[in-house]
Amino acid sequence: MRCDVTRVSGSFSFSSGCSAFAMSKKRGLSLEEKREQMLQIFYESQGFYQLKDLEKLGPKKGVISQSVKDVVQSLVDDDLVFKDKIGTSVYFWSLSSRAGNQLRQVRMKLETELEAAKKRQADLQTQRELAKKGREDSSERESALNALNELQKKHKAIKEELDLYAQNDPAVYEEMSSVTEVAHKAVNRWTENIFSLQQWCSNTFPEAKERLEQAYAEVGIKEDLDYLD
């Protein structure tokens, strides 16, 4: 087909043949349209297919072969197409009656969920209306809310004051003393372990005195290390 282009008054015009060619181009199928077309292959033949067969039949329905695998898998995921492995081959099939039953079951489930949601909405609306009773704006309600707010502020202040007194609580002090004593004994025990290790190293490696002292310094053991009183 010949396509002539001419320029008229700064714009371009196409020959009738070119316009017909442009209009003849079809848009690509949407995913849902591809699914419908692939289902038609199964419904029309009621046959069993391997993926390679479907990739050959797909283009006849407007589904390019490269898209067939993903489209068929989406149908399998939705239980509209079924697959099974026989020997080393995988076969796909779909019976219109079975697919119809699947869709009816999905519809019934959705309708049940919708009814439950409507009932829940109605119950919540009723609870909302009941909750409004006794809470209408009035001078008495405003006064009660103000009193509640003041009590909450006083409660917070008293709690903060009690927290300060807790630091001088004899029980808290006794617990801190006990924990401090345990920590004191642990520090002296580890100090004794360090001295014992240093003594062993000095006796075992007398020729490495300088290297040992350097190693002690690197790990934070200083000359003024001593037991706690």
Protein backbone atom coordinates (compact mmCIF):
# COMPACT_ATOMS: atom_id res chain seq x y z
CA MET A 1 0.00 0.00 0.00
CA ARG A 2 1.38 3.41 -0.97
CA CYS A 3 1.31 6.18 1.63
CA ASP A 4 1.75 9.76 0.27
CA VAL A 5 2.44 12.69 2.59
CA THR A 6 2.04 16.32 1.44
CA ARG A 7 2.57 19.60 3.27
CA VAL A 8 -0.21 22.16 3.06
CA SER A 9 -0.04 25.58 4.79
CA GLY A 10 2.59 24.44 7.30
CA SER A 11 0.82 21.19 8.19
CA PHE A 12 0.99 17.64 6.87
CA SER A 13 -1.78 15.68 5.19
CA PHE A 14 -1.88 11.95 4.48
CA SER A 15 -3.29 10.13 1.49
CA SER A 16 -6.48 8.12 1.94
CA GLY A 17 -4.51 4.89 1.72
CA CYS A 18 -2.23 5.95 4.57
CA SER A 19 -5.20 7.02 6.73
CA ALA A 20 -6.90 3.68 6.17
CA PHE A 21 -3.69 1.92 7.20
CA ALA A 22 -3.42 3.95 10.41
CA MET A 23 -7.06 3.29 11.30
CA SER A 24 -6.69 -0.40 10.60
CA LYS A 25 -4.19 -0.79 13.42
CA LYS A 26 -5.83 -2.44 16.42
CA ARG A 27 -4.92 -1.67 19.96
CA GLY A 28 -3.38 -4.50 22.03
CA LEU A 29 -5.64 -6.68 24.16
CA SER A 30 -5.88 -5.98 27.87
CA LEU A 31 -4.98 -8.73 30.32
CA GLU A 32 -8.64 -9.51 30.97
CA GLU A 33 -9.32 -9.73 27.23
CA LYS A 34 -6.36 -12.06 26.82
CA ARG A 35 -7.68 -14.26 29.61
CA GLU A 36 -11.09 -14.44 27.95
CA GLN A 37 -9.57 -15.36 24.60
CA MET A 38 -7.40 -18.11 26.09
CA LEU A 39 -10.41 -19.51 27.95
CA GLN A 40 -12.28 -19.68 24.66
CA ILE A 41 -9.60 -22.02 23.31
CA PHE A 42 -10.35 -24.47 26.11
CA TYR A 43 -14.13 -24.06 26.01
CA GLU A 44 -14.41 -24.49 22.25
CA SER A 45 -12.43 -27.74 22.13
CA GLN A 46 -12.79 -29.13 25.66
CA GLY A 47 -9.30 -30.49 25.04
CA PHE A 48 -6.03 -30.90 26.91
CA TYR A 49 -3.02 -28.84 25.87
CA GLN A 50 0.65 -28.48 26.57
CA LEU A 51 2.09 -24.97 26.88
CA LYS A 52 3.75 -25.21 23.47
CA ASP A 53 0.36 -25.96 21.91
CA LEU A 54 -1.23 -22.97 23.59
CA GLU A 55 1.61 -20.73 22.44
CA LYS A 56 0.72 -21.70 18.86
CA LEU A 57 -3.03 -21.23 19.32
CA GLY A 58 -2.81 -17.97 21.28
CA PRO A 59 -1.88 -15.73 18.33
CA LYS A 60 -5.00 -16.94 16.48
CA LYS A 61 -7.00 -15.34 19.31
CA GLY A 62 -4.92 -12.18 19.36
CA VAL A 63 -2.65 -13.24 22.24
CA ILE A 64 1.02 -13.16 21.27
CA SER A 65 2.93 -16.35 22.07
CA GLN A 66 5.26 -14.54 24.50
CA SER A 67 2.26 -13.61 26.69
CA VAL A 68 0.54 -16.98 26.66
CA LYS A 69 2.49 -18.47 29.59
CA ASP A 70 1.72 -15.58 31.98
CA VAL A 71 -1.92 -15.38 30.91
CA VAL A 72 -2.47 -19.11 31.38
CA GLN A 73 -0.74 -19.01 34.77
CA SER A 74 -3.07 -16.22 35.91
CA LEU A 75 -6.01 -18.41 34.93
CA VAL A 76 -4.50 -21.32 36.86
CA ASP A 77 -4.05 -19.09 39.92
CA ASP A 78 -7.77 -18.19 39.77
CA ASP A 79 -8.80 -21.86 39.37
CA LEU A 80 -10.25 -21.17 35.92
CA VAL A 81 -7.69 -23.39 34.22
CA PHE A 82 -6.28 -26.59 35.69
CA LYS A 83 -2.96 -28.27 35.10
CA ASP A 84 -1.42 -31.62 35.93
CA LYS A 85 1.81 -33.43 35.20
CA ILE A 86 1.52 -36.66 33.27
CA GLY A 87 4.88 -38.36 32.94
CA THR A 88 7.32 -35.65 31.99
CA SER A 89 4.71 -33.37 30.37
CA VAL A 90 2.42 -30.76 31.91
CA TYR A 91 -1.10 -30.50 30.52
CA PHE A 92 -3.65 -27.68 30.87
CA TRP A 93 -7.42 -27.93 30.55
CA SER A 94 -10.59 -26.13 31.51
CA LEU A 95 -14.20 -27.28 31.43
CA SER A 96 -16.76 -24.53 31.11
CA SER A 97 -19.06 -26.21 33.63
CA ARG A 98 -16.31 -26.49 36.23
CA ALA A 99 -15.14 -22.93 35.67
CA GLY A 100 -18.75 -21.80 36.01
CA ASN A 101 -19.01 -23.59 39.35
CA GLN A 102 -15.81 -21.92 40.52
CA LEU A 103 -17.15 -18.49 39.59
CA ARG A 104 -20.46 -19.20 41.32
CA GLN A 105 -18.65 -20.22 44.47
CA VAL A 106 -16.57 -17.04 44.39
CA ARG A 107 -19.71 -14.99 43.85
CA MET A 108 -21.50 -16.67 46.77
CA LYS A 109 -18.49 -16.05 49.02
CA LEU A 110 -18.34 -12.39 48.06
CA GLU A 111 -22.09 -11.97 48.56
CA THR A 112 -21.83 -13.56 52.02
CA GLU A 113 -18.96 -11.26 52.95
CA LEU A 114 -20.93 -8.27 51.65
CA GLU A 115 -23.96 -9.16 53.77
CA ALA A 116 -21.75 -9.60 56.84
CA ALA A 117 -20.13 -6.21 56.19
CA LYS A 118 -23.55 -4.55 55.84
CA LYS A 119 -24.71 -6.12 59.12
CA ARG A 120 -21.51 -4.99 60.85
CA GLN A 121 -22.03 -1.47 59.51
CA ALA A 122 -25.61 -1.43 60.79
CA ASP A 123 -24.50 -2.67 64.24
CA LEU A 124 -21.81 0.00 64.46
CA GLN A 125 -24.29 2.67 63.43
CA THR A 126 -26.66 1.51 66.20
CA GLN A 127 -23.83 1.54 68.76
CA ARG A 128 -22.87 5.02 67.62
CA GLU A 129 -26.39 6.32 68.12
CA LEU A 130 -26.61 4.71 71.56
CA ALA A 131 -23.25 6.16 72.54
CA LYS A 132 -24.49 9.65 71.70
CA LYS A 133 -27.25 9.41 74.32
CA GLY A 134 -26.31 11.28 77.47
CA ARG A 135 -23.45 13.04 75.71
CA GLU A 136 -25.40 15.87 74.20
CA ASP A 137 -23.75 19.27 74.55
CA SER A 138 -24.97 21.00 77.70
CA SER A 139 -23.64 23.22 80.48
CA GLU A 140 -23.80 20.26 82.86
CA ARG A 141 -21.71 18.05 80.55
CA GLU A 142 -19.17 20.82 79.98
CA SER A 143 -18.84 21.35 83.73
CA ALA A 144 -18.30 17.62 84.31
CA LEU A 145 -15.62 17.46 81.60
CA ASN A 146 -13.80 20.43 83.11
CA ALA A 147 -13.87 18.77 86.55
CA LEU A 148 -12.52 15.53 85.04
CA ASN A 149 -9.71 17.43 83.35
CA GLU A 150 -8.72 19.06 86.65
CA LEU A 151 -8.68 15.71 88.45
CA GLN A 152 -6.47 14.21 85.76
CA LYS A 153 -3.98 17.08 86.16
CA LYS A 154 -3.89 16.59 89.95
CA HIS A 155 -3.41 12.85 89.55
CA LYS A 156 -0.45 13.43 87.23
CA ALA A 157 1.15 15.91 89.65
CA ILE A 158 0.76 13.54 92.62
CA LYS A 159 2.25 10.65 90.64
CA GLU A 160 5.28 12.75 89.69
CA GLU A 161 5.75 13.73 93.35
CA LEU A 162 5.55 10.08 94.44
CA ASP A 163 8.20 9.18 91.86
CA LEU A 164 10.55 11.69 93.48
CA TYR A 165 9.95 10.24 96.93
CA ALA A 166 10.59 6.75 95.59
CA GLN A 167 14.28 7.60 95.28
CA ASN A 168 14.44 7.84 99.09
CA ASP A 169 12.37 4.71 99.70
CA PRO A 170 14.19 2.46 102.23
CA ALA A 171 13.30 -0.64 100.20
CA VAL A 172 14.78 0.91 97.04
CA TYR A 173 17.90 1.95 98.97
CA GLU A 174 18.31 -1.56 100.39
CA GLU A 175 18.00 -3.08 96.93
CA MET A 176 20.59 -0.67 95.51
CA SER A 177 22.97 -1.49 98.38
CA SER A 178 22.61 -5.21 97.69
CA VAL A 179 23.28 -4.77 93.99
CA THR A 180 26.29 -2.55 94.73
CA GLU A 181 27.79 -5.18 97.04
CA VAL A 182 27.46 -7.89 94.39
CA ALA A 183 29.08 -5.63 91.80
CA HIS A 184 31.92 -4.75 94.26
CA LYS A 185 32.73 -8.42 94.83
CA ALA A 186 32.61 -9.14 91.10
CA VAL A 187 35.07 -6.33 90.31
CA ASN A 188 37.59 -7.57 92.90
CA ARG A 189 37.17 -11.15 91.67
CA TRP A 190 38.01 -10.16 88.10
CA THR A 191 40.88 -8.00 89.30
CA GLU A 192 42.29 -11.07 91.08
CA ASN A 193 41.90 -13.07 87.85
CA ILE A 194 43.82 -10.43 85.89
CA PHE A 195 46.68 -10.40 88.42
CA SER A 196 46.84 -14.20 88.33
CA LEU A 197 47.00 -14.19 84.54
CA GLN A 198 49.73 -11.52 84.53
CA GLN A 199 51.75 -13.56 87.02
CA TRP A 200 51.40 -16.70 84.91
CA CYS A 201 52.47 -14.87 81.75
CA SER A 202 55.51 -13.37 83.50
CA ASN A 203 56.62 -16.76 84.82
CA THR A 204 56.00 -18.57 81.53
CA PHE A 205 57.39 -15.94 79.14
CA PRO A 206 60.05 -13.95 81.10
CA GLU A 207 61.78 -12.93 77.86
CA ALA A 208 58.59 -11.23 76.56
CA LYS A 209 58.14 -8.72 79.36
CA GLU A 210 57.97 -5.64 77.10
CA ARG A 211 55.56 -7.30 74.65
CA LEU A 212 53.32 -8.41 77.51
CA GLU A 213 53.22 -4.91 78.96
CA GLN A 214 52.31 -3.56 75.53
CA ALA A 215 49.53 -6.14 75.21
CA TYR A 216 48.19 -5.18 78.66
CA ALA A 217 48.09 -1.52 77.63
CA GLU A 218 46.27 -2.31 74.39
CA VAL A 219 43.42 -4.05 76.24
CA GLY A 220 43.13 -1.29 78.86
CA ILE A 221 45.03 -2.84 81.81
CA LYS A 222 46.90 0.04 83.42
CA GLU A 223 49.67 0.07 86.06
CA ASP A 224 47.32 1.64 88.63
CA LEU A 225 44.92 -1.33 88.48
CA ASP A 226 44.05 -2.36 92.05
CA TYR A 227 41.35 -3.88 94.23
CA LEU A 228 38.36 -1.79 95.35
CA ASP A 229 38.18 -0.98 99.04
